[in-house]
PDB file of N, CA and C in Angstrom:
ATOM      1  N   MET A   1     317.229 -97.564 157.713  1.00  0.00           N
ATOM      2  CA  MET A   1     316.976 -96.253 157.531  1.00  0.00           C
ATOM      3  C   MET A   1     316.106 -95.382 158.280  1.00  0.00           C
ATOM      4  N   ALA A   2     314.911 -96.023 158.506  1.00  0.00           N
ATOM      5  CA  ALA A   2     314.007 -94.952 159.428  1.00  0.00           C
ATOM      6  C   ALA A   2     314.624 -95.318 160.341  1.00  0.00           C
ATOM      7  N   LEU A   3     315.291 -96.209 161.203  1.00  0.00           N
ATOM      8  CA  LEU A   3     316.046 -95.984 162.332  1.00  0.00           C
ATOM      9  C   LEU A   3     316.838 -94.600 162.960  1.00  0.00           C
ATOM     10  N   VAL A   4     317.519 -94.527 161.755  1.00  0.00           N
ATOM     11  CA  VAL A   4     318.601 -93.617 161.707  1.00  0.00           C
ATOM     12  C   VAL A   4     317.670 -91.636 161.402  1.00  0.00           C
ATOM     13  N   LEU A   5     316.374 -91.720 160.735  1.00  0.00           N
ATOM     14  CA  LEU A   5     316.071 -90.762 159.962  1.00  0.00           C
ATOM     15  C   LEU A   5     314.885 -90.111 161.481  1.00  0.00           C
ATOM     16  N   SER A   6     314.134 -91.215 162.667  1.00  0.00           N
ATOM     17  CA  SER A   6     313.967 -90.903 163.298  1.00  0.00           C
ATOM     18  C   SER A   6     314.867 -90.320 164.757  1.00  0.00           C
ATOM     19  N   LEU A   7     316.105 -90.135 164.435  1.00  0.00           N
ATOM     20  CA  LEU A   7     316.910 -89.803 165.747  1.00  0.00           C
ATOM     21  C   LEU A   7     316.683 -88.233 165.861  1.00  0.00           C
ATOM     22  N   PRO A   8     316.987 -87.699 167.093  1.00  0.00           N
ATOM     23  CA  PRO A   8     317.277 -85.900 167.224  1.00  0.00           C
ATOM     24  C   PRO A   8     318.110 -85.514 166.399  1.00  0.00           C
ATOM     25  N   HIS A   9     317.795 -84.362 165.638  1.00  0.00           N
ATOM     26  CA  HIS A   9     318.908 -83.674 164.629  1.00  0.00           C
ATOM     27  C   HIS A   9     320.411 -83.624 165.636  1.00  0.00           C
ATOM     28  N   GLY A  10     321.182 -83.942 164.963  1.00  0.00           N
ATOM     29  CA  GLY A  10     322.612 -83.755 165.809  1.00  0.00           C
ATOM     30  C   GLY A  10     324.160 -83.667 165.024  1.00  0.00           C
ATOM     31  N   PRO A  11     325.151 -83.843 164.961  1.00  0.00           N
ATOM     32  CA  PRO A  11     326.042 -84.441 164.091  1.00  0.00           C
ATOM     33  C   PRO A  11     325.968 -85.927 164.640  1.00  0.00           C
ATOM     34  N   GLN A  12     325.634 -86.560 165.714  1.00  0.00           N
ATOM     35  CA  GLN A  12     326.102 -88.155 165.085  1.00  0.00           C
ATOM     36  C   GLN A  12     324.505 -88.730 164.597  1.00  0.00           C
ATOM     37  N   ARG A  13     323.471 -88.012 164.254  1.00  0.00           N
ATOM     38  CA  ARG A  13     322.433 -88.366 163.359  1.00  0.00           C
ATOM     39  C   ARG A  13     322.730 -88.135 161.961  1.00  0.00           C
ATOM     40  N   GLU A  14     323.520 -87.202 161.413  1.00  0.00           N
ATOM     41  CA  GLU A  14     324.304 -86.549 160.164  1.00  0.00           C
ATOM     42  C   GLU A  14     325.337 -87.657 159.705  1.00  0.00           C
ATOM     43  N   LEU A  15     326.000 -87.995 160.853  1.00  0.00           N
ATOM     44  CA  LEU A  15     327.134 -89.280 160.300  1.00  0.00           C
ATOM     45  C   LEU A  15     326.676 -90.556 160.148  1.00  0.00           C
ATOM     46  N   LEU A  16     325.839 -91.058 161.489  1.00  0.00           N
ATOM     47  CA  LEU A  16     325.025 -92.272 161.018  1.00  0.00           C
ATOM     48  C   LEU A  16     324.010 -92.099 159.988  1.00  0.00           C
ATOM     49  N   LEU A  17     323.560 -90.780 158.990  1.00  0.00           N
ATOM     50  CA  LEU A  17     322.414 -90.882 158.228  1.00  0.00           C
ATOM     51  C   LEU A  17     323.515 -91.349 156.794  1.00  0.00           C
ATOM     52  N   ALA A  18     324.604 -90.306 157.026  1.00  0.00           N
ATOM     53  CA  ALA A  18     325.701 -90.729 155.637  1.00  0.00           C
ATOM     54  C   ALA A  18     326.242 -92.153 155.698  1.00  0.00           C
ATOM     55  N   LEU A  19     326.193 -92.658 156.426  1.00  0.00           N
ATOM     56  CA  LEU A  19     327.047 -94.207 156.701  1.00  0.00           C
ATOM     57  C   LEU A  19     325.678 -94.952 156.559  1.00  0.00           C
ATOM     58  N   THR A  20     324.575 -94.609 156.526  1.00  0.00           N
ATOM     59  CA  THR A  20     323.693 -95.773 156.355  1.00  0.00           C
ATOM     60  C   THR A  20     323.430 -95.629 154.552  1.00  0.00           C
ATOM     61  N   TYR A  21     323.481 -94.464 154.560  1.00  0.00           N
ATOM     62  CA  TYR A  21     323.680 -94.112 152.947  1.00  0.00           C
ATOM     63  C   TYR A  21     324.163 -95.241 152.063  1.00  0.00           C
ATOM     64  N   ALA A  22     325.566 -95.294 152.556  1.00  0.00           N
ATOM     65  CA  ALA A  22     326.627 -95.274 151.936  1.00  0.00           C
ATOM     66  C   ALA A  22     326.640 -97.208 152.094  1.00  0.00           C
ATOM     67  N   VAL A  23     325.804 -97.652 152.955  1.00  0.00           N
ATOM     68  CA  VAL A  23     326.122 -98.776 153.315  1.00  0.00           C
ATOM     69  C   VAL A  23     324.681 -99.379 152.070  1.00  0.00           C
ATOM     70  N   VAL A  24     323.647 -98.903 152.174  1.00  0.00           N
ATOM     71  CA  VAL A  24     322.814 -99.001 151.292  1.00  0.00           C
ATOM     72  C   VAL A  24     323.232 -98.966 149.870  1.00  0.00           C
ATOM     73  N   VAL A  25     324.080 -98.011 149.429  1.00  0.00           N
ATOM     74  CA  VAL A  25     324.532 -97.629 148.142  1.00  0.00           C
ATOM     75  C   VAL A  25     325.466 -98.643 147.558  1.00  0.00           C
ATOM     76  N   PHE A  26     326.390 -99.261 148.488  1.00  0.00           N
ATOM     77  CA  PHE A  26     327.431-100.259 148.768  1.00  0.00           C
ATOM     78  C   PHE A  26     326.859-101.280 148.514  1.00  0.00           C
ATOM     79  N   SER A  27     325.351-101.995 148.939  1.00  0.00           N
ATOM     80  CA  SER A  27     324.613-103.229 148.967  1.00  0.00           C
ATOM     81  C   SER A  27     323.962-103.366 147.762  1.00  0.00           C
ATOM     82  N   ILE A  28     323.597-102.004 147.326  1.00  0.00           N
ATOM     83  CA  ILE A  28     322.805-102.471 145.774  1.00  0.00           C
ATOM     84  C   ILE A  28     323.611-102.634 144.779  1.00  0.00           C
ATOM     85  N   LEU A  29     324.488-102.045 144.503  1.00  0.00           N
ATOM     86  CA  LEU A  29     325.763-101.926 143.838  1.00  0.00           C
ATOM     87  C   LEU A  29     326.287-103.371 143.643  1.00  0.00           C
ATOM     88  N   GLY A  30     327.140-103.945 144.873  1.00  0.00           N
ATOM     89  CA  GLY A  30     327.031-105.117 144.919  1.00  0.00           C
ATOM     90  C   GLY A  30     326.404-106.461 144.413  1.00  0.00           C
ATOM     91  N   GLN A  31     324.797-106.265 144.394  1.00  0.00           N
ATOM     92  CA  GLN A  31     324.148-107.190 144.535  1.00  0.00           C
ATOM     93  C   GLN A  31     323.833-106.837 142.627  1.00  0.00           C
ATOM     94  N   GLY A  32     324.121-105.524 142.443  1.00  0.00           N
ATOM     95  CA  GLY A  32     323.607-105.975 141.275  1.00  0.00           C
ATOM     96  C   GLY A  32     324.526-105.981 140.506  1.00  0.00           C
ATOM     97  N   LEU A  33     325.828-105.801 140.511  1.00  0.00           N
ATOM     98  CA  LEU A  33     327.179-105.704 139.942  1.00  0.00           C
ATOM     99  C   LEU A  33     327.270-107.585 139.693  1.00  0.00           C
ATOM    100  N   THR A  34     326.650-108.464 140.506  1.00  0.00           N
ATOM    101  CA  THR A  34     327.266-109.938 140.960  1.00  0.00           C
ATOM    102  C   THR A  34     325.925-110.624 140.491  1.00  0.00           C
ATOM    103  N   ILE A  35     324.866-110.104 140.392  1.00  0.00           N
ATOM    104  CA  ILE A  35     323.700-111.246 139.934  1.00  0.00           C
ATOM    105  C   ILE A  35     323.852-111.652 138.434  1.00  0.00           C
ATOM    106  N   LYS A  36     324.537-111.322 137.733  1.00  0.00           N
ATOM    107  CA  LYS A  36     324.679-111.684 136.317  1.00  0.00           C
ATOM    108  C   LYS A  36     325.659-112.922 136.674  1.00  0.00           C
ATOM    109  N   GLY A  37     326.792-112.331 137.062  1.00  0.00           N
ATOM    110  CA  GLY A  37     327.243-114.025 137.437  1.00  0.00           C
ATOM    111  C   GLY A  37     326.662-115.150 137.468  1.00  0.00           C
ATOM    112  N   LEU A  38     326.054-114.967 139.113  1.00  0.00           N
ATOM    113  CA  LEU A  38     325.604-116.053 139.800  1.00  0.00           C
ATOM    114  C   LEU A  38     324.190-116.571 139.046  1.00  0.00           C
ATOM    115  N   VAL A  39     323.582-115.780 138.022  1.00  0.00           N
ATOM    116  CA  VAL A  39     322.233-116.332 137.342  1.00  0.00           C
ATOM    117  C   VAL A  39     322.756-117.259 136.061  1.00  0.00           C
ATOM    118  N   THR A  40     324.103-116.575 135.607  1.00  0.00           N
ATOM    119  CA  THR A  40     324.846-117.325 134.577  1.00  0.00           C
ATOM    120  C   THR A  40     325.362-118.950 134.854  1.00  0.00           C
ATOM    121  N   ARG A  41     325.577-118.999 136.383  1.00  0.00           N
ATOM    122  CA  ARG A  41     326.638-119.817 137.249  1.00  0.00           C
ATOM    123  C   ARG A  41     324.975-120.897 137.532  1.00  0.00           C
ATOM    124  N   THR A  42     324.004-119.970 137.912  1.00  0.00           N
ATOM    125  CA  THR A  42     322.793-121.201 138.046  1.00  0.00           C
ATOM    126  C   THR A  42     322.116-121.953 137.167  1.00  0.00           C
ATOM    127  N   LEU A  43     322.158-121.201 136.155  1.00  0.00           N
ATOM    128  CA  LEU A  43     321.382-121.615 134.750  1.00  0.00           C
ATOM    129  C   LEU A  43     322.127-121.882 133.588  1.00  0.00           C
ATOM    130  N   LYS A  44     323.074-122.676 133.912  1.00  0.00           N
ATOM    131  CA  LYS A  44     324.111-123.272 132.963  1.00  0.00           C
ATOM    132  C   LYS A  44     323.829-124.620 133.060  1.00  0.00           C
ATOM    133  N   PRO A  45     323.836-125.066 131.207  1.00  0.00           N
ATOM    134  CA  PRO A  45     322.919-126.269 130.590  1.00  0.00           C
ATOM    135  C   PRO A  45     323.913-126.994 131.355  1.00  0.00           C
ATOM    136  N   ALA A  46     323.826-128.101 131.565  1.00  0.00           N
ATOM    137  CA  ALA A  46     324.573-129.894 132.024  1.00  0.00           C
ATOM    138  C   ALA A  46     325.023-130.113 130.857  1.00  0.00           C
ATOM    139  N   THR A  47     326.207-130.424 131.317  1.00  0.00           N
ATOM    140  CA  THR A  47     327.230-130.943 129.766  1.00  0.00           C
ATOM    141  C   THR A  47     327.232-132.493 130.474  1.00  0.00           C
TER     142      THR A  47
END
């Protein structure tokens, strides 16, 4: 994020900034939606 924000203003910067935000949001949502299943499987009591 910091690297993209340090680029000079221009159309390429705006595109890279939008793509970077999309990747960050996707990563946070992906991890947030899968953590419950991971914790459930990890802490599953032994049978």
